[in-house]
């Protein structure tokens, strides 16, 4: 027998064992689920077991005779007095502000201040007819770029 036919036989055997075994396990699980479902939904309950259960329940009942039980009924109270009168509590007054709302300026972040400065420098460059858009070439990417803040200050001579 050649090596390839032996390998084909081994492959076929492993295929049968692996996939056949997994199909068998899945089939067994489905049969268990089906059996559980049938037992859950069927109306055929063993009559002898239910009669035993009813017999046990009936023997454990306790019978109470009427003469052994004494019941006292409390009288109905119609007049109820309030022991402590209800006091009215004044609503809390709102506290006064120590500082007026508009007395101090809200600080801006340095990033927004830098943006304002760059916009101002760009406006000055346009007024002086200095080109700030795409004025330099970035050597790393070989693309044009805008002037930086320092470059605009140097161009304007500020």
C-alpha atoms as a PDB file:
ATOM      1  CA  UNK A   1       0.000   0.000   0.000  1.00  0.00           C
ATOM      2  CA  UNK A   2       1.293   3.394  -0.837  1.00  0.00           C
ATOM      3  CA  UNK A   3       1.855   6.147   1.660  1.00  0.00           C
ATOM      4  CA  UNK A   4      -0.815   8.409   0.119  1.00  0.00           C
ATOM      5  CA  UNK A   5      -3.548   5.775   0.352  1.00  0.00           C
ATOM      6  CA  UNK A   6      -2.646   5.115   3.998  1.00  0.00           C
ATOM      7  CA  UNK A   7      -2.889   8.820   4.693  1.00  0.00           C
ATOM      8  CA  UNK A   8      -6.244   8.959   2.908  1.00  0.00           C
ATOM      9  CA  UNK A   9      -7.553   6.090   5.044  1.00  0.00           C
ATOM     10  CA  UNK A  10      -6.318   7.801   8.221  1.00  0.00           C
ATOM     11  CA  UNK A  11      -7.887  11.089   7.102  1.00  0.00           C
ATOM     12  CA  UNK A  12     -11.207   9.385   6.367  1.00  0.00           C
ATOM     13  CA  UNK A  13     -11.146   7.604   9.743  1.00  0.00           C
ATOM     14  CA  UNK A  14     -10.370  10.794  11.638  1.00  0.00           C
ATOM     15  CA  UNK A  15     -13.050  12.644   9.689  1.00  0.00           C
ATOM     16  CA  UNK A  16     -15.595   9.984  10.590  1.00  0.00           C
ATOM     17  CA  UNK A  17     -14.579   9.905  14.264  1.00  0.00           C
ATOM     18  CA  UNK A  18     -14.460  13.678  14.753  1.00  0.00           C
ATOM     19  CA  UNK A  19     -17.538  14.735  12.825  1.00  0.00           C
ATOM     20  CA  UNK A  20     -19.513  11.567  13.564  1.00  0.00           C
ATOM     21  CA  UNK A  21     -18.766  11.833  17.269  1.00  0.00           C
ATOM     22  CA  UNK A  22     -19.730  15.494  17.427  1.00  0.00           C
ATOM     23  CA  UNK A  23     -22.972  14.773  15.540  1.00  0.00           C
ATOM     24  CA  UNK A  24     -23.701  11.940  17.977  1.00  0.00           C
ATOM     25  CA  UNK A  25     -23.195  14.255  20.972  1.00  0.00           C
ATOM     26  CA  UNK A  26     -25.436  16.922  19.445  1.00  0.00           C
ATOM     27  CA  UNK A  27     -28.118  14.301  18.717  1.00  0.00           C
ATOM     28  CA  UNK A  28     -27.960  13.022  22.308  1.00  0.00           C
ATOM     29  CA  UNK A  29     -28.381  16.579  23.659  1.00  0.00           C
ATOM     30  CA  UNK A  30     -31.362  17.207  21.368  1.00  0.00           C
ATOM     31  CA  UNK A  31     -33.012  13.965  22.503  1.00  0.00           C
ATOM     32  CA  UNK A  32     -32.541  14.964  26.163  1.00  0.00           C
ATOM     33  CA  UNK A  33     -34.102  18.351  25.483  1.00  0.00           C
ATOM     34  CA  UNK A  34     -37.009  16.723  23.648  1.00  0.00           C
ATOM     35  CA  UNK A  35     -37.615  14.302  26.527  1.00  0.00           C
ATOM     36  CA  UNK A  36     -37.541  17.109  29.078  1.00  0.00           C
ATOM     37  CA  UNK A  37     -39.968  19.159  26.978  1.00  0.00           C
ATOM     38  CA  UNK A  38     -42.393  16.255  26.616  1.00  0.00           C
ATOM     39  CA  UNK A  39     -42.313  15.587  30.369  1.00  0.00           C
ATOM     40  CA  UNK A  40     -42.857  19.287  31.049  1.00  0.00           C
ATOM     41  CA  UNK A  41     -45.831  19.728  28.738  1.00  0.00           C
ATOM     42  CA  UNK A  42     -47.560  16.372  29.053  1.00  0.00           C
ATOM     43  CA  UNK A  43     -50.812  16.015  30.970  1.00  0.00           C
ATOM     44  CA  UNK A  44     -50.221  12.347  31.763  1.00  0.00           C
ATOM     45  CA  UNK A  45     -49.170  12.584  35.385  1.00  0.00           C
ATOM     46  CA  UNK A  46     -48.983   9.376  37.344  1.00  0.00           C
ATOM     47  CA  UNK A  47     -52.346   9.125  39.136  1.00  0.00           C
ATOM     48  CA  UNK A  48     -51.081   6.935  41.967  1.00  0.00           C
ATOM     49  CA  UNK A  49     -48.430   9.459  42.978  1.00  0.00           C
ATOM     50  CA  UNK A  50     -50.932  12.338  43.042  1.00  0.00           C
ATOM     51  CA  UNK A  51     -53.356  10.354  45.146  1.00  0.00           C
ATOM     52  CA  UNK A  52     -50.541   9.604  47.634  1.00  0.00           C
ATOM     53  CA  UNK A  53     -49.695  13.291  47.818  1.00  0.00           C
ATOM     54  CA  UNK A  54     -53.341  14.218  48.447  1.00  0.00           C
ATOM     55  CA  UNK A  55     -53.613  11.536  51.151  1.00  0.00           C
ATOM     56  CA  UNK A  56     -50.504  12.817  52.946  1.00  0.00           C
ATOM     57  CA  UNK A  57     -51.784  16.382  52.775  1.00  0.00           C
ATOM     58  CA  UNK A  58     -55.202  15.427  54.156  1.00  0.00           C
ATOM     59  CA  UNK A  59     -53.714  13.536  57.144  1.00  0.00           C
ATOM     60  CA  UNK A  60     -51.687  16.563  58.230  1.00  0.00           C
ATOM     61  CA  UNK A  61     -54.672  18.885  58.504  1.00  0.00           C
ATOM     62  CA  UNK A  62     -55.313  20.236  61.994  1.00  0.00           C
ATOM     63  CA  UNK A  63     -58.895  20.520  63.109  1.00  0.00           C
ATOM     64  CA  UNK A  64     -59.712  23.264  65.603  1.00  0.00           C
ATOM     65  CA  UNK A  65     -62.900  23.130  67.603  1.00  0.00           C
ATOM     66  CA  UNK A  66     -64.840  26.342  68.146  1.00  0.00           C
ATOM     67  CA  UNK A  67     -64.888  25.984  71.950  1.00  0.00           C
ATOM     68  CA  UNK A  68     -61.082  26.008  72.232  1.00  0.00           C
ATOM     69  CA  UNK A  69     -60.578  29.350  70.508  1.00  0.00           C
ATOM     70  CA  UNK A  70     -61.033  32.601  72.418  1.00  0.00           C
ATOM     71  CA  UNK A  71     -61.157  35.826  70.477  1.00  0.00           C
ATOM     72  CA  UNK A  72     -61.075  39.321  71.951  1.00  0.00           C
ATOM     73  CA  UNK A  73     -62.182  42.260  69.835  1.00  0.00           C
ATOM     74  CA  UNK A  74     -60.763  45.678  70.686  1.00  0.00           C
ATOM     75  CA  UNK A  75     -63.217  48.577  70.856  1.00  0.00           C
ATOM     76  CA  UNK A  76     -63.271  51.054  67.969  1.00  0.00           C
ATOM     77  CA  UNK A  77     -61.704  54.398  68.829  1.00  0.00           C
ATOM     78  CA  UNK A  78     -63.576  57.335  67.333  1.00  0.00           C
ATOM     79  CA  UNK A  79     -62.009  60.358  69.014  1.00  0.00           C
ATOM     80  CA  UNK A  80     -58.297  60.775  68.436  1.00  0.00           C
ATOM     81  CA  UNK A  81     -56.378  63.581  70.086  1.00  0.00           C
ATOM     82  CA  UNK A  82     -53.169  65.029  68.660  1.00  0.00           C
ATOM     83  CA  UNK A  83     -50.564  64.967  71.383  1.00  0.00           C
ATOM     84  CA  UNK A  84     -48.156  67.529  69.908  1.00  0.00           C
ATOM     85  CA  UNK A  85     -49.395  70.365  67.708  1.00  0.00           C
ATOM     86  CA  UNK A  86     -47.858  70.731  64.274  1.00  0.00           C
ATOM     87  CA  UNK A  87     -45.483  73.688  64.001  1.00  0.00           C
ATOM     88  CA  UNK A  88     -44.954  75.669  60.859  1.00  0.00           C
ATOM     89  CA  UNK A  89     -41.286  75.982  59.899  1.00  0.00           C
ATOM     90  CA  UNK A  90     -40.115  79.037  58.001  1.00  0.00           C
ATOM     91  CA  UNK A  91     -38.608  78.428  54.586  1.00  0.00           C
ATOM     92  CA  UNK A  92     -34.843  78.979  54.480  1.00  0.00           C
ATOM     93  CA  UNK A  93     -33.785  82.294  53.047  1.00  0.00           C
ATOM     94  CA  UNK A  94     -31.372  82.208  50.112  1.00  0.00           C
ATOM     95  CA  UNK A  95     -27.831  83.193  50.998  1.00  0.00           C
ATOM     96  CA  UNK A  96     -26.443  86.396  49.567  1.00  0.00           C
ATOM     97  CA  UNK A  97     -23.638  86.303  47.034  1.00  0.00           C
ATOM     98  CA  UNK A  98     -20.369  87.581  48.388  1.00  0.00           C
ATOM     99  CA  UNK A  99     -19.043  88.635  44.943  1.00  0.00           C
ATOM    100  CA  UNK A 100     -21.041  89.991  42.053  1.00  0.00           C
ATOM    101  CA  UNK A 101     -21.134  87.687  39.054  1.00  0.00           C
ATOM    102  CA  UNK A 102     -19.599  90.156  36.588  1.00  0.00           C
ATOM    103  CA  UNK A 103     -16.879  91.539  38.873  1.00  0.00           C
ATOM    104  CA  UNK A 104     -14.112  89.237  37.601  1.00  0.00           C
ATOM    105  CA  UNK A 105     -13.154  88.218  34.090  1.00  0.00           C
ATOM    106  CA  UNK A 106     -13.156  84.593  33.097  1.00  0.00           C
ATOM    107  CA  UNK A 107      -9.657  83.554  32.084  1.00  0.00           C
ATOM    108  CA  UNK A 108      -9.142  82.093  28.642  1.00  0.00           C
ATOM    109  CA  UNK A 109      -6.824  79.222  27.962  1.00  0.00           C
ATOM    110  CA  UNK A 110      -3.399  79.939  26.498  1.00  0.00           C
ATOM    111  CA  UNK A 111      -4.382  78.067  23.357  1.00  0.00           C
ATOM    112  CA  UNK A 112      -7.247  80.433  22.553  1.00  0.00           C
ATOM    113  CA  UNK A 113      -5.023  83.448  23.371  1.00  0.00           C
ATOM    114  CA  UNK A 114      -2.418  82.075  20.982  1.00  0.00           C
ATOM    115  CA  UNK A 115      -5.073  81.709  18.276  1.00  0.00           C
ATOM    116  CA  UNK A 116      -6.107  85.320  18.773  1.00  0.00           C
ATOM    117  CA  UNK A 117      -2.464  86.430  18.505  1.00  0.00           C
ATOM    118  CA  UNK A 118      -1.918  84.386  15.317  1.00  0.00           C
ATOM    119  CA  UNK A 119      -5.086  85.846  13.762  1.00  0.00           C
ATOM    120  CA  UNK A 120      -3.853  89.340  14.646  1.00  0.00           C
ATOM    121  CA  UNK A 121      -0.425  88.631  13.115  1.00  0.00           C
ATOM    122  CA  UNK A 122      -2.026  87.232   9.956  1.00  0.00           C
ATOM    123  CA  UNK A 123      -4.174  90.352   9.636  1.00  0.00           C
ATOM    124  CA  UNK A 124      -1.072  92.548  10.028  1.00  0.00           C
ATOM    125  CA  UNK A 125       0.715  90.479   7.350  1.00  0.00           C
ATOM    126  CA  UNK A 126      -2.198  90.977   4.959  1.00  0.00           C
ATOM    127  CA  UNK A 127      -2.212  94.731   5.667  1.00  0.00           C
ATOM    128  CA  UNK A 128       1.567  94.853   5.008  1.00  0.00           C
ATOM    129  CA  UNK A 129       1.112  92.691   1.896  1.00  0.00           C
ATOM    130  CA  UNK A 130       3.271  89.894   3.294  1.00  0.00           C
ATOM    131  CA  UNK A 131       2.307  86.441   2.081  1.00  0.00           C
ATOM    132  CA  UNK A 132       1.698  84.138   5.053  1.00  0.00           C
ATOM    133  CA  UNK A 133      -0.387  81.433   3.323  1.00  0.00           C
ATOM    134  CA  UNK A 134       1.681  78.589   1.878  1.00  0.00           C
ATOM    135  CA  UNK A 135       4.813  80.743   2.091  1.00  0.00           C
ATOM    136  CA  UNK A 136       7.307  78.035   3.120  1.00  0.00           C
ATOM    137  CA  UNK A 137       8.007  74.467   2.013  1.00  0.00           C
ATOM    138  CA  UNK A 138       8.291  71.771   4.664  1.00  0.00           C
ATOM    139  CA  UNK A 139      11.501  69.834   3.861  1.00  0.00           C
ATOM    140  CA  UNK A 140      10.242  66.605   5.438  1.00  0.00           C
ATOM    141  CA  UNK A 141       7.081  66.373   3.343  1.00  0.00           C
ATOM    142  CA  UNK A 142       7.899  68.724   0.446  1.00  0.00           C
ATOM    143  CA  UNK A 143       4.550  70.440   0.949  1.00  0.00           C
ATOM    144  CA  UNK A 144       3.819  74.127   1.332  1.00  0.00           C
ATOM    145  CA  UNK A 145       2.865  75.419   4.771  1.00  0.00           C
ATOM    146  CA  UNK A 146       1.761  78.653   6.441  1.00  0.00           C
ATOM    147  CA  UNK A 147       4.151  80.903   8.343  1.00  0.00           C
ATOM    148  CA  UNK A 148       4.543  80.180  12.026  1.00  0.00           C
ATOM    149  CA  UNK A 149       4.027  82.797  14.719  1.00  0.00           C
ATOM    150  CA  UNK A 150       7.772  83.423  15.074  1.00  0.00           C
ATOM    151  CA  UNK A 151       8.244  83.708  11.310  1.00  0.00           C
ATOM    152  CA  UNK A 152       5.416  86.276  11.037  1.00  0.00           C
ATOM    153  CA  UNK A 153       6.924  88.317  13.874  1.00  0.00           C
ATOM    154  CA  UNK A 154      10.311  88.252  12.075  1.00  0.00           C
ATOM    155  CA  UNK A 155       8.752  89.233   8.737  1.00  0.00           C
ATOM    156  CA  UNK A 156       6.800  92.096  10.331  1.00  0.00           C
ATOM    157  CA  UNK A 157       9.873  93.264  12.286  1.00  0.00           C
ATOM    158  CA  UNK A 158       8.051  93.380  15.593  1.00  0.00           C
END
